[in-house]
PDB file of N, CA and C in Angstrom:
ATOM      1  N   MET A   1     130.150  72.156 -51.489  1.00  0.00           N
ATOM      2  CA  MET A   1     129.822  73.537 -51.174  1.00  0.00           C
ATOM      3  C   MET A   1     129.496  73.556 -49.616  1.00  0.00           C
ATOM      4  N   ILE A   2     129.907  74.484 -48.770  1.00  0.00           N
ATOM      5  CA  ILE A   2     129.375  74.436 -47.495  1.00  0.00           C
ATOM      6  C   ILE A   2     128.664  75.802 -47.220  1.00  0.00           C
ATOM      7  N   VAL A   3     127.649  75.809 -46.587  1.00  0.00           N
ATOM      8  CA  VAL A   3     126.604  76.932 -46.254  1.00  0.00           C
ATOM      9  C   VAL A   3     126.843  77.204 -44.785  1.00  0.00           C
ATOM     10  N   VAL A   4     127.205  78.532 -44.526  1.00  0.00           N
ATOM     11  CA  VAL A   4     127.388  78.846 -43.338  1.00  0.00           C
ATOM     12  C   VAL A   4     126.441  80.085 -43.030  1.00  0.00           C
ATOM     13  N   ALA A   5     125.883  79.707 -41.807  1.00  0.00           N
ATOM     14  CA  ALA A   5     124.940  80.705 -41.268  1.00  0.00           C
ATOM     15  C   ALA A   5     125.876  81.641 -40.046  1.00  0.00           C
ATOM     16  N   THR A   6     125.739  82.854 -40.291  1.00  0.00           N
ATOM     17  CA  THR A   6     126.588  83.590 -39.298  1.00  0.00           C
ATOM     18  C   THR A   6     125.697  84.617 -38.315  1.00  0.00           C
ATOM     19  N   LYS A   7     126.498  85.170 -37.386  1.00  0.00           N
ATOM     20  CA  LYS A   7     125.845  86.318 -36.519  1.00  0.00           C
ATOM     21  C   LYS A   7     124.675  85.586 -35.631  1.00  0.00           C
ATOM     22  N   LEU A   8     124.971  84.478 -35.205  1.00  0.00           N
ATOM     23  CA  LEU A   8     123.851  83.820 -34.235  1.00  0.00           C
ATOM     24  C   LEU A   8     123.678  84.732 -33.113  1.00  0.00           C
ATOM     25  N   ASP A   9     124.773  85.261 -32.705  1.00  0.00           N
ATOM     26  CA  ASP A   9     124.750  85.985 -31.580  1.00  0.00           C
ATOM     27  C   ASP A   9     123.869  87.357 -31.373  1.00  0.00           C
ATOM     28  N   VAL A  10     123.280  87.684 -32.575  1.00  0.00           N
ATOM     29  CA  VAL A  10     122.669  89.059 -32.620  1.00  0.00           C
ATOM     30  C   VAL A  10     120.986  88.567 -32.877  1.00  0.00           C
ATOM     31  N   THR A  11     120.691  87.409 -32.811  1.00  0.00           N
ATOM     32  CA  THR A  11     119.225  87.239 -32.781  1.00  0.00           C
ATOM     33  C   THR A  11     118.779  85.992 -32.038  1.00  0.00           C
ATOM     34  N   THR A  12     117.439  85.971 -31.398  1.00  0.00           N
ATOM     35  CA  THR A  12     117.162  84.947 -30.656  1.00  0.00           C
ATOM     36  C   THR A  12     115.984  84.366 -31.258  1.00  0.00           C
ATOM     37  N   ASP A  13     115.654  84.859 -32.478  1.00  0.00           N
ATOM     38  CA  ASP A  13     114.515  83.988 -33.468  1.00  0.00           C
ATOM     39  C   ASP A  13     115.383  83.152 -34.338  1.00  0.00           C
ATOM     40  N   ARG A  14     115.120  82.005 -34.106  1.00  0.00           N
ATOM     41  CA  ARG A  14     115.863  80.650 -35.022  1.00  0.00           C
ATOM     42  C   ARG A  14     114.807  80.140 -36.163  1.00  0.00           C
ATOM     43  N   THR A  15     113.899  80.766 -36.243  1.00  0.00           N
ATOM     44  CA  THR A  15     113.071  80.520 -37.543  1.00  0.00           C
ATOM     45  C   THR A  15     113.618  80.349 -38.743  1.00  0.00           C
ATOM     46  N   ARG A  16     114.503  81.259 -39.135  1.00  0.00           N
ATOM     47  CA  ARG A  16     115.039  81.393 -40.576  1.00  0.00           C
ATOM     48  C   ARG A  16     116.329  80.602 -40.567  1.00  0.00           C
ATOM     49  N   LEU A  17     116.839  80.319 -39.418  1.00  0.00           N
ATOM     50  CA  LEU A  17     118.034  79.501 -39.221  1.00  0.00           C
ATOM     51  C   LEU A  17     117.500  78.124 -39.392  1.00  0.00           C
ATOM     52  N   GLU A  18     116.569  77.562 -38.943  1.00  0.00           N
ATOM     53  CA  GLU A  18     116.129  76.189 -39.104  1.00  0.00           C
ATOM     54  C   GLU A  18     115.304  76.226 -40.460  1.00  0.00           C
ATOM     55  N   ALA A  19     114.951  76.949 -40.996  1.00  0.00           N
ATOM     56  CA  ALA A  19     114.548  76.763 -42.445  1.00  0.00           C
ATOM     57  C   ALA A  19     115.745  76.816 -43.269  1.00  0.00           C
ATOM     58  N   LEU A  20     116.773  77.469 -43.044  1.00  0.00           N
ATOM     59  CA  LEU A  20     118.017  77.319 -43.991  1.00  0.00           C
ATOM     60  C   LEU A  20     118.654  75.843 -43.839  1.00  0.00           C
ATOM     61  N   GLN A  21     118.487  75.455 -42.640  1.00  0.00           N
ATOM     62  CA  GLN A  21     119.115  74.178 -42.314  1.00  0.00           C
ATOM     63  C   GLN A  21     118.411  73.214 -42.870  1.00  0.00           C
ATOM     64  N   ASP A  22     117.081  73.109 -42.849  1.00  0.00           N
ATOM     65  CA  ASP A  22     116.210  72.209 -43.593  1.00  0.00           C
ATOM     66  C   ASP A  22     116.443  72.286 -45.098  1.00  0.00           C
ATOM     67  N   PHE A  23     116.507  73.547 -45.666  1.00  0.00           N
ATOM     68  CA  PHE A  23     116.599  73.582 -47.168  1.00  0.00           C
ATOM     69  C   PHE A  23     118.042  72.753 -47.533  1.00  0.00           C
ATOM     70  N   CYS A  24     119.359  73.055 -46.775  1.00  0.00           N
ATOM     71  CA  CYS A  24     120.429  72.428 -47.152  1.00  0.00           C
ATOM     72  C   CYS A  24     120.167  71.015 -46.725  1.00  0.00           C
ATOM     73  N   GLN A  25     119.535  70.579 -45.741  1.00  0.00           N
ATOM     74  CA  GLN A  25     119.387  69.062 -45.605  1.00  0.00           C
ATOM     75  C   GLN A  25     118.722  68.336 -46.624  1.00  0.00           C
ATOM     76  N   GLN A  26     117.888  68.967 -47.184  1.00  0.00           N
ATOM     77  CA  GLN A  26     116.912  68.273 -48.428  1.00  0.00           C
ATOM     78  C   GLN A  26     117.969  68.306 -49.616  1.00  0.00           C
ATOM     79  N   ARG A  27     118.860  69.102 -49.607  1.00  0.00           N
ATOM     80  CA  ARG A  27     119.843  69.349 -50.844  1.00  0.00           C
ATOM     81  C   ARG A  27     121.258  68.686 -50.577  1.00  0.00           C
ATOM     82  N   ASN A  28     121.259  67.994 -49.680  1.00  0.00           N
ATOM     83  CA  ASN A  28     122.634  67.344 -49.270  1.00  0.00           C
ATOM     84  C   ASN A  28     123.636  68.244 -49.208  1.00  0.00           C
ATOM     85  N   LEU A  29     123.504  69.639 -48.524  1.00  0.00           N
ATOM     86  CA  LEU A  29     124.540  70.563 -48.475  1.00  0.00           C
ATOM     87  C   LEU A  29     125.040  70.570 -47.023  1.00  0.00           C
ATOM     88  N   GLU A  30     126.340  70.675 -46.983  1.00  0.00           N
ATOM     89  CA  GLU A  30     126.789  70.790 -45.581  1.00  0.00           C
ATOM     90  C   GLU A  30     126.654  72.196 -45.226  1.00  0.00           C
ATOM     91  N   PHE A  31     126.090  72.183 -43.780  1.00  0.00           N
ATOM     92  CA  PHE A  31     125.524  73.315 -43.281  1.00  0.00           C
ATOM     93  C   PHE A  31     126.341  73.543 -41.727  1.00  0.00           C
ATOM     94  N   HIS A  32     126.622  74.825 -41.480  1.00  0.00           N
ATOM     95  CA  HIS A  32     127.150  75.017 -40.166  1.00  0.00           C
ATOM     96  C   HIS A  32     126.469  76.369 -39.922  1.00  0.00           C
ATOM     97  N   SER A  33     126.335  76.464 -38.564  1.00  0.00           N
ATOM     98  CA  SER A  33     125.952  77.883 -37.995  1.00  0.00           C
ATOM     99  C   SER A  33     127.035  78.288 -36.885  1.00  0.00           C
ATOM    100  N   ILE A  34     127.412  79.440 -37.090  1.00  0.00           N
ATOM    101  CA  ILE A  34     128.462  80.137 -36.247  1.00  0.00           C
ATOM    102  C   ILE A  34     128.201  81.638 -35.778  1.00  0.00           C
ATOM    103  N   SER A  35     128.773  81.822 -34.626  1.00  0.00           N
ATOM    104  CA  SER A  35     129.003  83.079 -33.943  1.00  0.00           C
ATOM    105  C   SER A  35     130.417  83.507 -33.703  1.00  0.00           C
ATOM    106  N   ALA A  36     131.032  84.068 -34.775  1.00  0.00           N
ATOM    107  CA  ALA A  36     132.320  84.277 -34.567  1.00  0.00           C
ATOM    108  C   ALA A  36     132.505  85.185 -33.243  1.00  0.00           C
ATOM    109  N   ALA A  37     131.650  86.019 -32.658  1.00  0.00           N
ATOM    110  CA  ALA A  37     132.036  86.904 -31.472  1.00  0.00           C
ATOM    111  C   ALA A  37     131.993  85.943 -30.300  1.00  0.00           C
ATOM    112  N   ALA A  38     131.203  84.786 -30.385  1.00  0.00           N
ATOM    113  CA  ALA A  38     131.053  84.141 -29.123  1.00  0.00           C
ATOM    114  C   ALA A  38     131.887  82.871 -29.381  1.00  0.00           C
ATOM    115  N   GLY A  39     132.392  82.554 -30.672  1.00  0.00           N
ATOM    116  CA  GLY A  39     133.399  81.429 -31.018  1.00  0.00           C
ATOM    117  C   GLY A  39     132.430  80.116 -31.015  1.00  0.00           C
ATOM    118  N   ASP A  40     131.084  80.184 -31.165  1.00  0.00           N
ATOM    119  CA  ASP A  40     130.307  78.963 -31.337  1.00  0.00           C
ATOM    120  C   ASP A  40     130.385  78.486 -32.712  1.00  0.00           C
ATOM    121  N   GLY A  41     130.750  77.229 -32.843  1.00  0.00           N
ATOM    122  CA  GLY A  41     130.602  76.494 -34.296  1.00  0.00           C
ATOM    123  C   GLY A  41     131.732  76.695 -35.107  1.00  0.00           C
ATOM    124  N   VAL A  42     132.888  77.667 -34.583  1.00  0.00           N
ATOM    125  CA  VAL A  42     133.952  78.127 -35.726  1.00  0.00           C
ATOM    126  C   VAL A  42     134.754  76.924 -35.841  1.00  0.00           C
ATOM    127  N   LYS A  43     135.144  76.176 -34.536  1.00  0.00           N
ATOM    128  CA  LYS A  43     136.059  75.175 -34.651  1.00  0.00           C
ATOM    129  C   LYS A  43     135.603  73.939 -35.588  1.00  0.00           C
ATOM    130  N   ASP A  44     134.215  73.623 -35.583  1.00  0.00           N
ATOM    131  CA  ASP A  44     133.521  72.529 -36.318  1.00  0.00           C
ATOM    132  C   ASP A  44     133.486  73.069 -37.784  1.00  0.00           C
ATOM    133  N   LEU A  45     133.532  74.512 -38.116  1.00  0.00           N
ATOM    134  CA  LEU A  45     133.549  74.750 -39.496  1.00  0.00           C
ATOM    135  C   LEU A  45     135.046  74.756 -40.047  1.00  0.00           C
ATOM    136  N   VAL A  46     135.851  75.113 -39.299  1.00  0.00           N
ATOM    137  CA  VAL A  46     137.274  75.109 -39.665  1.00  0.00           C
ATOM    138  C   VAL A  46     137.910  73.524 -39.983  1.00  0.00           C
ATOM    139  N   ARG A  47     137.339  72.796 -39.352  1.00  0.00           N
ATOM    140  CA  ARG A  47     137.537  71.299 -39.468  1.00  0.00           C
ATOM    141  C   ARG A  47     136.934  70.820 -40.677  1.00  0.00           C
ATOM    142  N   SER A  48     135.503  71.231 -41.120  1.00  0.00           N
ATOM    143  CA  SER A  48     134.988  70.755 -42.242  1.00  0.00           C
ATOM    144  C   SER A  48     135.535  71.422 -43.452  1.00  0.00           C
ATOM    145  N   ILE A  49     136.228  72.500 -43.337  1.00  0.00           N
ATOM    146  CA  ILE A  49     136.746  73.309 -44.282  1.00  0.00           C
ATOM    147  C   ILE A  49     138.174  72.488 -44.780  1.00  0.00           C
ATOM    148  N   ALA A  50     138.849  72.058 -43.671  1.00  0.00           N
ATOM    149  CA  ALA A  50     139.996  71.375 -43.609  1.00  0.00           C
ATOM    150  C   ALA A  50     139.783  70.011 -44.357  1.00  0.00           C
ATOM    151  N   ASP A  51     138.750  69.218 -43.988  1.00  0.00           N
ATOM    152  CA  ASP A  51     138.465  68.037 -44.473  1.00  0.00           C
ATOM    153  C   ASP A  51     138.118  68.030 -46.063  1.00  0.00           C
ATOM    154  N   VAL A  52     137.382  69.161 -46.245  1.00  0.00           N
ATOM    155  CA  VAL A  52     137.387  69.339 -47.973  1.00  0.00           C
ATOM    156  C   VAL A  52     138.444  69.514 -48.692  1.00  0.00           C
ATOM    157  N   LEU A  53     139.158  70.502 -47.956  1.00  0.00           N
ATOM    158  CA  LEU A  53     140.417  70.835 -48.755  1.00  0.00           C
ATOM    159  C   LEU A  53     141.374  69.606 -48.887  1.00  0.00           C
ATOM    160  N   ASP A  54     141.330  68.533 -47.691  1.00  0.00           N
ATOM    161  CA  ASP A  54     142.320  67.580 -47.796  1.00  0.00           C
ATOM    162  C   ASP A  54     141.770  66.431 -49.194  1.00  0.00           C
ATOM    163  N   LYS A  55     140.582  66.639 -49.290  1.00  0.00           N
ATOM    164  CA  LYS A  55     139.687  65.544 -50.521  1.00  0.00           C
ATOM    165  C   LYS A  55     140.312  65.946 -51.785  1.00  0.00           C
ATOM    166  N   ILE A  56     140.625  67.459 -51.988  1.00  0.00           N
ATOM    167  CA  ILE A  56     140.921  67.788 -53.200  1.00  0.00           C
ATOM    168  C   ILE A  56     142.301  67.149 -53.856  1.00  0.00           C
ATOM    169  N   PRO A  57     142.264  66.560 -54.949  1.00  0.00           N
ATOM    170  CA  PRO A  57     143.417  65.931 -55.621  1.00  0.00           C
ATOM    171  C   PRO A  57     144.699  66.761 -55.712  1.00  0.00           C
ATOM    172  N   ARG A  58     145.691  66.513 -55.547  1.00  0.00           N
ATOM    173  CA  ARG A  58     146.859  67.218 -55.916  1.00  0.00           C
ATOM    174  C   ARG A  58     147.279  67.116 -57.400  1.00  0.00           C
ATOM    175  N   PRO A  59     147.746  68.125 -58.228  1.00  0.00           N
ATOM    176  CA  PRO A  59     147.978  67.952 -59.448  1.00  0.00           C
ATOM    177  C   PRO A  59     149.317  66.889 -59.635  1.00  0.00           C
ATOM    178  N   ALA A  60     149.309  66.247 -60.719  1.00  0.00           N
ATOM    179  CA  ALA A  60     150.098  64.963 -61.058  1.00  0.00           C
ATOM    180  C   ALA A  60     151.544  65.717 -61.602  1.00  0.00           C
ATOM    181  N   HIS A  61     151.366  66.863 -62.274  1.00  0.00           N
ATOM    182  CA  HIS A  61     152.384  67.286 -62.801  1.00  0.00           C
ATOM    183  C   HIS A  61     153.380  68.198 -61.974  1.00  0.00           C
ATOM    184  N   ASP A  62     154.454  68.902 -62.378  1.00  0.00           N
ATOM    185  CA  ASP A  62     155.107  69.756 -61.434  1.00  0.00           C
ATOM    186  C   ASP A  62     154.957  71.070 -61.194  1.00  0.00           C
ATOM    187  N   SER A  63     153.563  71.439 -61.443  1.00  0.00           N
ATOM    188  CA  SER A  63     153.243  72.635 -61.006  1.00  0.00           C
ATOM    189  C   SER A  63     152.698  72.768 -59.520  1.00  0.00           C
ATOM    190  N   SER A  64     152.826  71.583 -58.649  1.00  0.00           N
ATOM    191  CA  SER A  64     152.537  71.612 -57.342  1.00  0.00           C
ATOM    192  C   SER A  64     153.210  72.998 -56.568  1.00  0.00           C
ATOM    193  N   ILE A  65     152.516  73.364 -55.495  1.00  0.00           N
ATOM    194  CA  ILE A  65     152.840  74.417 -54.588  1.00  0.00           C
ATOM    195  C   ILE A  65     154.373  74.328 -54.237  1.00  0.00           C
ATOM    196  N   GLU A  66     155.024  73.144 -53.853  1.00  0.00           N
ATOM    197  CA  GLU A  66     156.221  73.143 -53.390  1.00  0.00           C
ATOM    198  C   GLU A  66     157.100  73.477 -54.735  1.00  0.00           C
ATOM    199  N   THR A  67     156.821  72.864 -55.935  1.00  0.00           N
ATOM    200  CA  THR A  67     157.774  73.169 -56.885  1.00  0.00           C
ATOM    201  C   THR A  67     157.574  74.556 -57.483  1.00  0.00           C
ATOM    202  N   LEU A  68     156.443  75.285 -57.113  1.00  0.00           N
ATOM    203  CA  LEU A  68     156.380  76.816 -57.528  1.00  0.00           C
ATOM    204  C   LEU A  68     157.199  77.417 -56.542  1.00  0.00           C
ATOM    205  N   ALA A  69     156.983  77.092 -55.319  1.00  0.00           N
ATOM    206  CA  ALA A  69     157.994  77.711 -54.086  1.00  0.00           C
ATOM    207  C   ALA A  69     159.323  77.947 -54.498  1.00  0.00           C
ATOM    208  N   ALA A  70     159.881  76.481 -54.919  1.00  0.00           N
ATOM    209  CA  ALA A  70     161.204  76.430 -54.948  1.00  0.00           C
ATOM    210  C   ALA A  70     161.568  77.116 -56.296  1.00  0.00           C
ATOM    211  N   GLU A  71     160.697  77.376 -57.365  1.00  0.00           N
ATOM    212  CA  GLU A  71     161.128  78.145 -58.872  1.00  0.00           C
ATOM    213  C   GLU A  71     161.249  79.607 -58.002  1.00  0.00           C
ATOM    214  N   SER A  72     160.268  79.969 -57.299  1.00  0.00           N
ATOM    215  CA  SER A  72     160.291  81.334 -56.824  1.00  0.00           C
ATOM    216  C   SER A  72     161.597  81.719 -56.208  1.00  0.00           C
ATOM    217  N   GLU A  73     161.991  80.819 -55.276  1.00  0.00           N
ATOM    218  CA  GLU A  73     163.024  81.086 -54.585  1.00  0.00           C
ATOM    219  C   GLU A  73     164.375  80.966 -55.505  1.00  0.00           C
ATOM    220  N   ASP A  74     164.320  80.357 -56.562  1.00  0.00           N
ATOM    221  CA  ASP A  74     165.349  80.345 -57.441  1.00  0.00           C
ATOM    222  C   ASP A  74     165.520  81.596 -58.280  1.00  0.00           C
ATOM    223  N   GLU A  75     164.322  82.223 -58.681  1.00  0.00           N
ATOM    224  CA  GLU A  75     164.174  83.377 -59.450  1.00  0.00           C
ATOM    225  C   GLU A  75     164.602  84.439 -58.551  1.00  0.00           C
ATOM    226  N   GLN A  76     164.245  84.410 -57.280  1.00  0.00           N
ATOM    227  CA  GLN A  76     164.905  85.606 -56.154  1.00  0.00           C
ATOM    228  C   GLN A  76     166.267  85.572 -56.235  1.00  0.00           C
ATOM    229  N   LEU A  77     166.923  84.273 -56.021  1.00  0.00           N
ATOM    230  CA  LEU A  77     168.521  84.346 -55.891  1.00  0.00           C
ATOM    231  C   LEU A  77     169.139  84.666 -57.244  1.00  0.00           C
ATOM    232  N   LEU A  78     168.485  84.587 -58.572  1.00  0.00           N
ATOM    233  CA  LEU A  78     169.027  84.901 -59.722  1.00  0.00           C
ATOM    234  C   LEU A  78     168.968  86.510 -60.004  1.00  0.00           C
ATOM    235  N   SER A  79     167.843  86.920 -59.390  1.00  0.00           N
ATOM    236  CA  SER A  79     167.760  88.364 -59.658  1.00  0.00           C
ATOM    237  C   SER A  79     168.004  89.255 -58.390  1.00  0.00           C
ATOM    238  N   ALA A  80     168.773  88.438 -57.332  1.00  0.00           N
ATOM    239  CA  ALA A  80     169.168  89.511 -56.440  1.00  0.00           C
ATOM    240  C   ALA A  80     170.622  90.445 -56.729  1.00  0.00           C
ATOM    241  N   PRO A  81     170.710  91.301 -56.336  1.00  0.00           N
ATOM    242  CA  PRO A  81     171.885  92.189 -56.565  1.00  0.00           C
ATOM    243  C   PRO A  81     173.089  91.692 -56.463  1.00  0.00           C
ATOM    244  N   VAL A  82     174.182  91.770 -56.850  1.00  0.00           N
ATOM    245  CA  VAL A  82     175.527  91.241 -56.659  1.00  0.00           C
ATOM    246  C   VAL A  82     176.390  92.293 -56.000  1.00  0.00           C
ATOM    247  N   ASP A  83     177.007  91.853 -55.132  1.00  0.00           N
ATOM    248  CA  ASP A  83     178.083  92.925 -54.600  1.00  0.00           C
ATOM    249  C   ASP A  83     179.312  92.819 -55.223  1.00  0.00           C
ATOM    250  N   ARG A  84     179.558  93.648 -56.238  1.00  0.00           N
ATOM    251  CA  ARG A  84     180.872  93.614 -57.145  1.00  0.00           C
ATOM    252  C   ARG A  84     182.059  93.731 -56.279  1.00  0.00           C
ATOM    253  N   SER A  85     182.104  94.597 -55.316  1.00  0.00           N
ATOM    254  CA  SER A  85     183.369  94.765 -54.357  1.00  0.00           C
ATOM    255  C   SER A  85     183.729  93.439 -53.959  1.00  0.00           C
ATOM    256  N   ALA A  86     182.870  92.705 -53.526  1.00  0.00           N
ATOM    257  CA  ALA A  86     183.332  91.160 -53.040  1.00  0.00           C
ATOM    258  C   ALA A  86     183.931  90.458 -54.025  1.00  0.00           C
ATOM    259  N   LEU A  87     183.251  90.739 -55.157  1.00  0.00           N
ATOM    260  CA  LEU A  87     183.900  89.803 -56.295  1.00  0.00           C
ATOM    261  C   LEU A  87     185.282  90.278 -56.570  1.00  0.00           C
ATOM    262  N   ALA A  88     185.490  91.389 -56.607  1.00  0.00           N
ATOM    263  CA  ALA A  88     186.713  91.954 -56.951  1.00  0.00           C
ATOM    264  C   ALA A  88     187.738  91.491 -55.856  1.00  0.00           C
ATOM    265  N   THR A  89     187.449  91.588 -54.715  1.00  0.00           N
ATOM    266  CA  THR A  89     188.222  91.275 -53.485  1.00  0.00           C
ATOM    267  C   THR A  89     188.648  89.867 -53.713  1.00  0.00           C
ATOM    268  N   ASN A  90     187.704  88.905 -53.987  1.00  0.00           N
ATOM    269  CA  ASN A  90     187.956  87.397 -54.040  1.00  0.00           C
ATOM    270  C   ASN A  90     188.742  87.253 -55.480  1.00  0.00           C
ATOM    271  N   LYS A  91     188.604  87.939 -56.420  1.00  0.00           N
ATOM    272  CA  LYS A  91     189.389  87.710 -57.693  1.00  0.00           C
ATOM    273  C   LYS A  91     190.790  88.015 -57.456  1.00  0.00           C
ATOM    274  N   GLU A  92     191.216  89.151 -56.549  1.00  0.00           N
ATOM    275  CA  GLU A  92     192.529  89.526 -56.169  1.00  0.00           C
ATOM    276  C   GLU A  92     193.207  88.404 -55.385  1.00  0.00           C
ATOM    277  N   GLU A  93     192.292  87.987 -54.276  1.00  0.00           N
ATOM    278  CA  GLU A  93     193.052  86.760 -53.535  1.00  0.00           C
ATOM    279  C   GLU A  93     193.408  85.697 -54.186  1.00  0.00           C
ATOM    280  N   ASN A  94     192.623  85.348 -55.332  1.00  0.00           N
ATOM    281  CA  ASN A  94     192.830  84.297 -56.174  1.00  0.00           C
ATOM    282  C   ASN A  94     193.922  84.354 -57.136  1.00  0.00           C
ATOM    283  N   SER A  95     194.333  85.380 -57.186  1.00  0.00           N
ATOM    284  CA  SER A  95     195.318  85.731 -58.440  1.00  0.00           C
ATOM    285  C   SER A  95     196.680  85.283 -57.949  1.00  0.00           C
TER     286      SER A  95
END
């Protein structure tokens, strides 16, 4: 779990922010404070999220994202409309 405090650019009173940070520290929760408007803390948050996602184990079976994407492409090819006029032209050329 990652706890994120936002809208840091709209307040100067940091009392509640510090209380939330202490709360998270006591419970070993990852804490970030950001201001999207000013860009403060956003890069660190994105890196943290990426690190957490990298730690998620990938499934051992064939339902990985790559396999699902390949199956989806195959389904699209199989369900694509067929240009019958091109087939007729090819058939005449081969006769």
